Amino acid sequence: MTKPASFKYFKTNPEIIRLAVMLYIRFLLSLRNVEDLLHERGIDVSHETVRYWWSRFGPMFAAEIRRKRVQQLRAFSK
């Protein structure tokens, strides 16, 4: 399985990046809380790393969610 182009130079698994960003956005946690939750799961990242991931990948994930919602609404309205 190849990584998407936007994750090309990151050593971290894209699923971990997605999890960290979604935890931060979806559950309104602080960056340090996300860092603690990931640490409990055996993933050692800094809160600054989570902030960088959020600023870099947050808009991409938001656009993906919007696109899926629009597709669902179009399928429902047919």
PDB file of N, CA and C in Angstrom:
ATOM      1  N   MET A   1       0.840  -1.179   0.000  1.00  0.00           N
ATOM      2  CA  MET A   1       0.000   0.000   0.000  1.00  0.00           C
ATOM      3  C   MET A   1       0.885   1.243   0.000  1.00  0.00           C
ATOM      4  N   THR A   2       0.687   2.130  -0.929  1.00  0.00           N
ATOM      5  CA  THR A   2       1.481   3.348  -1.007  1.00  0.00           C
ATOM      6  C   THR A   2       0.781   4.476  -0.265  1.00  0.00           C
ATOM      7  N   LYS A   3       1.576   5.387   0.246  1.00  0.00           N
ATOM      8  CA  LYS A   3       1.036   6.531   0.962  1.00  0.00           C
ATOM      9  C   LYS A   3       0.571   7.586  -0.034  1.00  0.00           C
ATOM     10  N   PRO A   4      -0.460   8.350   0.321  1.00  0.00           N
ATOM     11  CA  PRO A   4      -0.851   9.459  -0.535  1.00  0.00           C
ATOM     12  C   PRO A   4       0.295  10.468  -0.647  1.00  0.00           C
ATOM     13  N   ALA A   5       0.294  11.256  -1.689  1.00  0.00           N
ATOM     14  CA  ALA A   5       1.381  12.200  -1.949  1.00  0.00           C
ATOM     15  C   ALA A   5       1.586  13.176  -0.798  1.00  0.00           C
ATOM     16  N   SER A   6       0.529  13.584  -0.116  1.00  0.00           N
ATOM     17  CA  SER A   6       0.666  14.575   0.949  1.00  0.00           C
ATOM     18  C   SER A   6       1.403  14.019   2.173  1.00  0.00           C
ATOM     19  N   PHE A   7       1.457  12.715   2.332  1.00  0.00           N
ATOM     20  CA  PHE A   7       2.157  12.088   3.449  1.00  0.00           C
ATOM     21  C   PHE A   7       3.533  11.583   3.033  1.00  0.00           C
ATOM     22  N   LYS A   8       3.993  11.963   1.872  1.00  0.00           N
ATOM     23  CA  LYS A   8       5.179  11.385   1.253  1.00  0.00           C
ATOM     24  C   LYS A   8       6.423  11.470   2.144  1.00  0.00           C
ATOM     25  N   TYR A   9       6.680  12.582   2.773  1.00  0.00           N
ATOM     26  CA  TYR A   9       7.920  12.757   3.523  1.00  0.00           C
ATOM     27  C   TYR A   9       7.763  12.567   5.028  1.00  0.00           C
ATOM     28  N   PHE A  10       6.651  12.018   5.450  1.00  0.00           N
ATOM     29  CA  PHE A  10       6.417  11.783   6.869  1.00  0.00           C
ATOM     30  C   PHE A  10       6.718  10.338   7.207  1.00  0.00           C
ATOM     31  N   LYS A  11       7.452  10.131   8.295  1.00  0.00           N
ATOM     32  CA  LYS A  11       7.778   8.771   8.724  1.00  0.00           C
ATOM     33  C   LYS A  11       6.626   8.130   9.483  1.00  0.00           C
ATOM     34  N   THR A  12       5.755   8.949  10.023  1.00  0.00           N
ATOM     35  CA  THR A  12       4.634   8.462  10.810  1.00  0.00           C
ATOM     36  C   THR A  12       3.539   7.923   9.891  1.00  0.00           C
ATOM     37  N   ASN A  13       2.905   6.867  10.337  1.00  0.00           N
ATOM     38  CA  ASN A  13       1.799   6.256   9.595  1.00  0.00           C
ATOM     39  C   ASN A  13       0.680   7.288   9.407  1.00  0.00           C
ATOM     40  N   PRO A  14       0.133   7.409   8.207  1.00  0.00           N
ATOM     41  CA  PRO A  14      -0.954   8.374   7.976  1.00  0.00           C
ATOM     42  C   PRO A  14      -2.168   8.140   8.875  1.00  0.00           C
ATOM     43  N   GLU A  15      -2.419   6.907   9.280  1.00  0.00           N
ATOM     44  CA  GLU A  15      -3.553   6.640  10.170  1.00  0.00           C
ATOM     45  C   GLU A  15      -3.336   7.256  11.543  1.00  0.00           C
ATOM     46  N   ILE A  16      -2.105   7.298  12.009  1.00  0.00           N
ATOM     47  CA  ILE A  16      -1.800   7.930  13.296  1.00  0.00           C
ATOM     48  C   ILE A  16      -1.986   9.432  13.188  1.00  0.00           C
ATOM     49  N   ILE A  17      -1.556  10.011  12.090  1.00  0.00           N
ATOM     50  CA  ILE A  17      -1.747  11.446  11.873  1.00  0.00           C
ATOM     51  C   ILE A  17      -3.235  11.766  11.836  1.00  0.00           C
ATOM     52  N   ARG A  18      -4.001  10.962  11.098  1.00  0.00           N
ATOM     53  CA  ARG A  18      -5.449  11.169  11.007  1.00  0.00           C
ATOM     54  C   ARG A  18      -6.101  11.038  12.390  1.00  0.00           C
ATOM     55  N   LEU A  19      -5.703  10.040  13.171  1.00  0.00           N
ATOM     56  CA  LEU A  19      -6.252   9.850  14.512  1.00  0.00           C
ATOM     57  C   LEU A  19      -5.972  11.057  15.391  1.00  0.00           C
ATOM     58  N   ALA A  20      -4.746  11.537  15.382  1.00  0.00           N
ATOM     59  CA  ALA A  20      -4.375  12.673  16.225  1.00  0.00           C
ATOM     60  C   ALA A  20      -5.174  13.916  15.855  1.00  0.00           C
ATOM     61  N   VAL A  21      -5.293  14.199  14.572  1.00  0.00           N
ATOM     62  CA  VAL A  21      -6.023  15.390  14.131  1.00  0.00           C
ATOM     63  C   VAL A  21      -7.505  15.255  14.452  1.00  0.00           C
ATOM     64  N   MET A  22      -8.068  14.087  14.224  1.00  0.00           N
ATOM     65  CA  MET A  22      -9.487  13.887  14.505  1.00  0.00           C
ATOM     66  C   MET A  22      -9.782  13.960  16.006  1.00  0.00           C
ATOM     67  N   LEU A  23      -8.881  13.440  16.839  1.00  0.00           N
ATOM     68  CA  LEU A  23      -9.073  13.569  18.286  1.00  0.00           C
ATOM     69  C   LEU A  23      -9.094  15.041  18.685  1.00  0.00           C
ATOM     70  N   TYR A  24      -8.180  15.794  18.121  1.00  0.00           N
ATOM     71  CA  TYR A  24      -8.085  17.213  18.457  1.00  0.00           C
ATOM     72  C   TYR A  24      -9.326  17.982  18.012  1.00  0.00           C
ATOM     73  N   ILE A  25      -9.803  17.697  16.826  1.00  0.00           N
ATOM     74  CA  ILE A  25     -10.931  18.456  16.280  1.00  0.00           C
ATOM     75  C   ILE A  25     -12.263  17.948  16.808  1.00  0.00           C
ATOM     76  N   ARG A  26     -12.481  16.650  16.729  1.00  0.00           N
ATOM     77  CA  ARG A  26     -13.795  16.073  17.025  1.00  0.00           C
ATOM     78  C   ARG A  26     -14.174  16.183  18.496  1.00  0.00           C
ATOM     79  N   PHE A  27     -13.226  15.950  19.389  1.00  0.00           N
ATOM     80  CA  PHE A  27     -13.546  15.905  20.810  1.00  0.00           C
ATOM     81  C   PHE A  27     -13.097  17.153  21.560  1.00  0.00           C
ATOM     82  N   LEU A  28     -12.650  18.180  20.821  1.00  0.00           N
ATOM     83  CA  LEU A  28     -12.249  19.458  21.418  1.00  0.00           C
ATOM     84  C   LEU A  28     -11.252  19.279  22.565  1.00  0.00           C
ATOM     85  N   LEU A  29     -10.269  18.426  22.337  1.00  0.00           N
ATOM     86  CA  LEU A  29      -9.233  18.198  23.322  1.00  0.00           C
ATOM     87  C   LEU A  29      -8.101  19.193  23.117  1.00  0.00           C
ATOM     88  N   SER A  30      -7.336  19.425  24.179  1.00  0.00           N
ATOM     89  CA  SER A  30      -6.156  20.255  24.026  1.00  0.00           C
ATOM     90  C   SER A  30      -5.062  19.433  23.347  1.00  0.00           C
ATOM     91  N   LEU A  31      -4.058  20.112  22.856  1.00  0.00           N
ATOM     92  CA  LEU A  31      -2.954  19.413  22.205  1.00  0.00           C
ATOM     93  C   LEU A  31      -2.244  18.482  23.184  1.00  0.00           C
ATOM     94  N   ARG A  32      -2.124  18.909  24.411  1.00  0.00           N
ATOM     95  CA  ARG A  32      -1.468  18.056  25.423  1.00  0.00           C
ATOM     96  C   ARG A  32      -2.329  16.842  25.781  1.00  0.00           C
ATOM     97  N   ASN A  33      -3.649  17.001  25.767  1.00  0.00           N
ATOM     98  CA  ASN A  33      -4.522  15.857  26.003  1.00  0.00           C
ATOM     99  C   ASN A  33      -4.397  14.834  24.879  1.00  0.00           C
ATOM    100  N   VAL A  34      -4.304  15.310  23.643  1.00  0.00           N
ATOM    101  CA  VAL A  34      -4.111  14.400  22.512  1.00  0.00           C
ATOM    102  C   VAL A  34      -2.776  13.691  22.652  1.00  0.00           C
ATOM    103  N   GLU A  35      -1.747  14.440  23.047  1.00  0.00           N
ATOM    104  CA  GLU A  35      -0.428  13.840  23.270  1.00  0.00           C
ATOM    105  C   GLU A  35      -0.516  12.733  24.330  1.00  0.00           C
ATOM    106  N   ASP A  36      -1.231  12.994  25.421  1.00  0.00           N
ATOM    107  CA  ASP A  36      -1.383  11.998  26.483  1.00  0.00           C
ATOM    108  C   ASP A  36      -2.156  10.768  26.011  1.00  0.00           C
ATOM    109  N   LEU A  37      -3.248  10.978  25.267  1.00  0.00           N
ATOM    110  CA  LEU A  37      -4.026   9.841  24.768  1.00  0.00           C
ATOM    111  C   LEU A  37      -3.208   8.966  23.821  1.00  0.00           C
ATOM    112  N   LEU A  38      -2.435   9.590  22.958  1.00  0.00           N
ATOM    113  CA  LEU A  38      -1.594   8.811  22.050  1.00  0.00           C
ATOM    114  C   LEU A  38      -0.494   8.089  22.812  1.00  0.00           C
ATOM    115  N   HIS A  39       0.040   8.743  23.845  1.00  0.00           N
ATOM    116  CA  HIS A  39       1.079   8.098  24.661  1.00  0.00           C
ATOM    117  C   HIS A  39       0.539   6.850  25.360  1.00  0.00           C
ATOM    118  N   GLU A  40      -0.710   6.910  25.811  1.00  0.00           N
ATOM    119  CA  GLU A  40      -1.330   5.744  26.438  1.00  0.00           C
ATOM    120  C   GLU A  40      -1.484   4.588  25.465  1.00  0.00           C
ATOM    121  N   ARG A  41      -1.543   4.894  24.190  1.00  0.00           N
ATOM    122  CA  ARG A  41      -1.654   3.861  23.154  1.00  0.00           C
ATOM    123  C   ARG A  41      -0.296   3.462  22.594  1.00  0.00           C
ATOM    124  N   GLY A  42       0.779   3.967  23.203  1.00  0.00           N
ATOM    125  CA  GLY A  42       2.119   3.585  22.795  1.00  0.00           C
ATOM    126  C   GLY A  42       2.697   4.407  21.665  1.00  0.00           C
ATOM    127  N   ILE A  43       2.102   5.566  21.391  1.00  0.00           N
ATOM    128  CA  ILE A  43       2.565   6.437  20.316  1.00  0.00           C
ATOM    129  C   ILE A  43       3.155   7.686  20.954  1.00  0.00           C
ATOM    130  N   ASP A  44       4.453   7.886  20.824  1.00  0.00           N
ATOM    131  CA  ASP A  44       5.122   9.025  21.442  1.00  0.00           C
ATOM    132  C   ASP A  44       5.289  10.150  20.430  1.00  0.00           C
ATOM    133  N   VAL A  45       4.464  11.170  20.573  1.00  0.00           N
ATOM    134  CA  VAL A  45       4.576  12.379  19.757  1.00  0.00           C
ATOM    135  C   VAL A  45       4.436  13.583  20.670  1.00  0.00           C
ATOM    136  N   SER A  46       5.007  14.676  20.268  1.00  0.00           N
ATOM    137  CA  SER A  46       4.924  15.923  21.009  1.00  0.00           C
ATOM    138  C   SER A  46       3.619  16.644  20.679  1.00  0.00           C
ATOM    139  N   HIS A  47       3.172  17.483  21.601  1.00  0.00           N
ATOM    140  CA  HIS A  47       1.975  18.274  21.306  1.00  0.00           C
ATOM    141  C   HIS A  47       2.243  19.236  20.153  1.00  0.00           C
ATOM    142  N   GLU A  48       3.487  19.665  19.980  1.00  0.00           N
ATOM    143  CA  GLU A  48       3.832  20.529  18.858  1.00  0.00           C
ATOM    144  C   GLU A  48       3.721  19.782  17.526  1.00  0.00           C
ATOM    145  N   THR A  49       4.020  18.495  17.548  1.00  0.00           N
ATOM    146  CA  THR A  49       3.857  17.682  16.343  1.00  0.00           C
ATOM    147  C   THR A  49       2.387  17.586  15.976  1.00  0.00           C
ATOM    148  N   VAL A  50       1.531  17.389  16.972  1.00  0.00           N
ATOM    149  CA  VAL A  50       0.082  17.332  16.721  1.00  0.00           C
ATOM    150  C   VAL A  50      -0.396  18.662  16.171  1.00  0.00           C
ATOM    151  N   ARG A  51       0.113  19.773  16.705  1.00  0.00           N
ATOM    152  CA  ARG A  51      -0.267  21.094  16.192  1.00  0.00           C
ATOM    153  C   ARG A  51       0.157  21.266  14.736  1.00  0.00           C
ATOM    154  N   TYR A  52       1.358  20.804  14.408  1.00  0.00           N
ATOM    155  CA  TYR A  52       1.834  20.899  13.033  1.00  0.00           C
ATOM    156  C   TYR A  52       0.966  20.056  12.107  1.00  0.00           C
ATOM    157  N   TRP A  53       0.638  18.834  12.541  1.00  0.00           N
ATOM    158  CA  TRP A  53      -0.218  17.964  11.730  1.00  0.00           C
ATOM    159  C   TRP A  53      -1.577  18.607  11.526  1.00  0.00           C
ATOM    160  N   TRP A  54      -2.116  19.219  12.576  1.00  0.00           N
ATOM    161  CA  TRP A  54      -3.426  19.854  12.477  1.00  0.00           C
ATOM    162  C   TRP A  54      -3.399  21.002  11.473  1.00  0.00           C
ATOM    163  N   SER A  55      -2.362  21.821  11.540  1.00  0.00           N
ATOM    164  CA  SER A  55      -2.307  22.954  10.609  1.00  0.00           C
ATOM    165  C   SER A  55      -2.023  22.492   9.183  1.00  0.00           C
ATOM    166  N   ARG A  56      -1.299  21.397   9.031  1.00  0.00           N
ATOM    167  CA  ARG A  56      -0.955  20.908   7.692  1.00  0.00           C
ATOM    168  C   ARG A  56      -2.082  20.085   7.069  1.00  0.00           C
ATOM    169  N   PHE A  57      -2.677  19.164   7.828  1.00  0.00           N
ATOM    170  CA  PHE A  57      -3.636  18.215   7.283  1.00  0.00           C
ATOM    171  C   PHE A  57      -5.086  18.510   7.641  1.00  0.00           C
ATOM    172  N   GLY A  58      -5.337  19.396   8.596  1.00  0.00           N
ATOM    173  CA  GLY A  58      -6.704  19.714   8.995  1.00  0.00           C
ATOM    174  C   GLY A  58      -7.595  20.156   7.843  1.00  0.00           C
ATOM    175  N   PRO A  59      -7.151  21.117   7.024  1.00  0.00           N
ATOM    176  CA  PRO A  59      -7.992  21.533   5.894  1.00  0.00           C
ATOM    177  C   PRO A  59      -8.251  20.401   4.895  1.00  0.00           C
ATOM    178  N   MET A  60      -7.277  19.532   4.707  1.00  0.00           N
ATOM    179  CA  MET A  60      -7.453  18.414   3.780  1.00  0.00           C
ATOM    180  C   MET A  60      -8.515  17.438   4.311  1.00  0.00           C
ATOM    181  N   PHE A  61      -8.446  17.148   5.615  1.00  0.00           N
ATOM    182  CA  PHE A  61      -9.432  16.246   6.213  1.00  0.00           C
ATOM    183  C   PHE A  61     -10.812  16.877   6.204  1.00  0.00           C
ATOM    184  N   ALA A  62     -10.907  18.199   6.454  1.00  0.00           N
ATOM    185  CA  ALA A  62     -12.194  18.888   6.442  1.00  0.00           C
ATOM    186  C   ALA A  62     -12.822  18.843   5.049  1.00  0.00           C
ATOM    187  N   ALA A  63     -12.016  19.056   4.025  1.00  0.00           N
ATOM    188  CA  ALA A  63     -12.533  18.991   2.657  1.00  0.00           C
ATOM    189  C   ALA A  63     -13.023  17.584   2.323  1.00  0.00           C
ATOM    190  N   GLU A  64     -12.319  16.588   2.810  1.00  0.00           N
ATOM    191  CA  GLU A  64     -12.722  15.195   2.580  1.00  0.00           C
ATOM    192  C   GLU A  64     -14.063  14.896   3.255  1.00  0.00           C
ATOM    193  N   ILE A  65     -14.240  15.393   4.473  1.00  0.00           N
ATOM    194  CA  ILE A  65     -15.498  15.182   5.199  1.00  0.00           C
ATOM    195  C   ILE A  65     -16.644  15.892   4.480  1.00  0.00           C
ATOM    196  N   ARG A  66     -16.407  17.134   4.032  1.00  0.00           N
ATOM    197  CA  ARG A  66     -17.441  17.867   3.295  1.00  0.00           C
ATOM    198  C   ARG A  66     -17.827  17.147   2.014  1.00  0.00           C
ATOM    199  N   ARG A  67     -16.840  16.627   1.311  1.00  0.00           N
ATOM    200  CA  ARG A  67     -17.106  15.926   0.050  1.00  0.00           C
ATOM    201  C   ARG A  67     -17.954  14.678   0.303  1.00  0.00           C
ATOM    202  N   LYS A  68     -17.653  13.948   1.364  1.00  0.00           N
ATOM    203  CA  LYS A  68     -18.438  12.753   1.692  1.00  0.00           C
ATOM    204  C   LYS A  68     -19.863  13.113   2.080  1.00  0.00           C
ATOM    205  N   ARG A  69     -20.041  14.211   2.824  1.00  0.00           N
ATOM    206  CA  ARG A  69     -21.384  14.640   3.212  1.00  0.00           C
ATOM    207  C   ARG A  69     -22.221  15.018   1.998  1.00  0.00           C
ATOM    208  N   VAL A  70     -21.613  15.727   1.070  1.00  0.00           N
ATOM    209  CA  VAL A  70     -22.335  16.122  -0.144  1.00  0.00           C
ATOM    210  C   VAL A  70     -22.741  14.891  -0.933  1.00  0.00           C
ATOM    211  N   GLN A  71     -21.853  13.917  -1.045  1.00  0.00           N
ATOM    212  CA  GLN A  71     -22.185  12.686  -1.762  1.00  0.00           C
ATOM    213  C   GLN A  71     -23.332  11.952  -1.088  1.00  0.00           C
ATOM    214  N   GLN A  72     -23.338  11.912   0.242  1.00  0.00           N
ATOM    215  CA  GLN A  72     -24.414  11.262   0.975  1.00  0.00           C
ATOM    216  C   GLN A  72     -25.732  11.988   0.770  1.00  0.00           C
ATOM    217  N   LEU A  73     -25.699  13.314   0.791  1.00  0.00           N
ATOM    218  CA  LEU A  73     -26.925  14.083   0.581  1.00  0.00           C
ATOM    219  C   LEU A  73     -27.462  13.896  -0.831  1.00  0.00           C
ATOM    220  N   ARG A  74     -26.584  13.843  -1.817  1.00  0.00           N
ATOM    221  CA  ARG A  74     -27.029  13.630  -3.173  1.00  0.00           C
ATOM    222  C   ARG A  74     -27.617  12.235  -3.351  1.00  0.00           C
ATOM    223  N   ALA A  75     -27.025  11.237  -2.724  1.00  0.00           N
ATOM    224  CA  ALA A  75     -27.534   9.869  -2.820  1.00  0.00           C
ATOM    225  C   ALA A  75     -28.889   9.759  -2.109  1.00  0.00           C
ATOM    226  N   PHE A  76     -29.044  10.497  -0.996  1.00  0.00           N
ATOM    227  CA  PHE A  76     -30.288  10.453  -0.236  1.00  0.00           C
ATOM    228  C   PHE A  76     -31.414  11.147  -0.977  1.00  0.00           C
ATOM    229  N   SER A  77     -31.103  12.205  -1.716  1.00  0.00           N
ATOM    230  CA  SER A  77     -32.155  12.981  -2.383  1.00  0.00           C
ATOM    231  C   SER A  77     -32.656  12.326  -3.664  1.00  0.00           C
ATOM    232  N   LYS A  78     -31.971  11.318  -4.157  1.00  0.00           N
ATOM    233  CA  LYS A  78     -32.411  10.646  -5.391  1.00  0.00           C
ATOM    234  C   LYS A  78     -33.578   9.734  -5.158  1.00  0.00           C
TER     235      LYS A  78
END
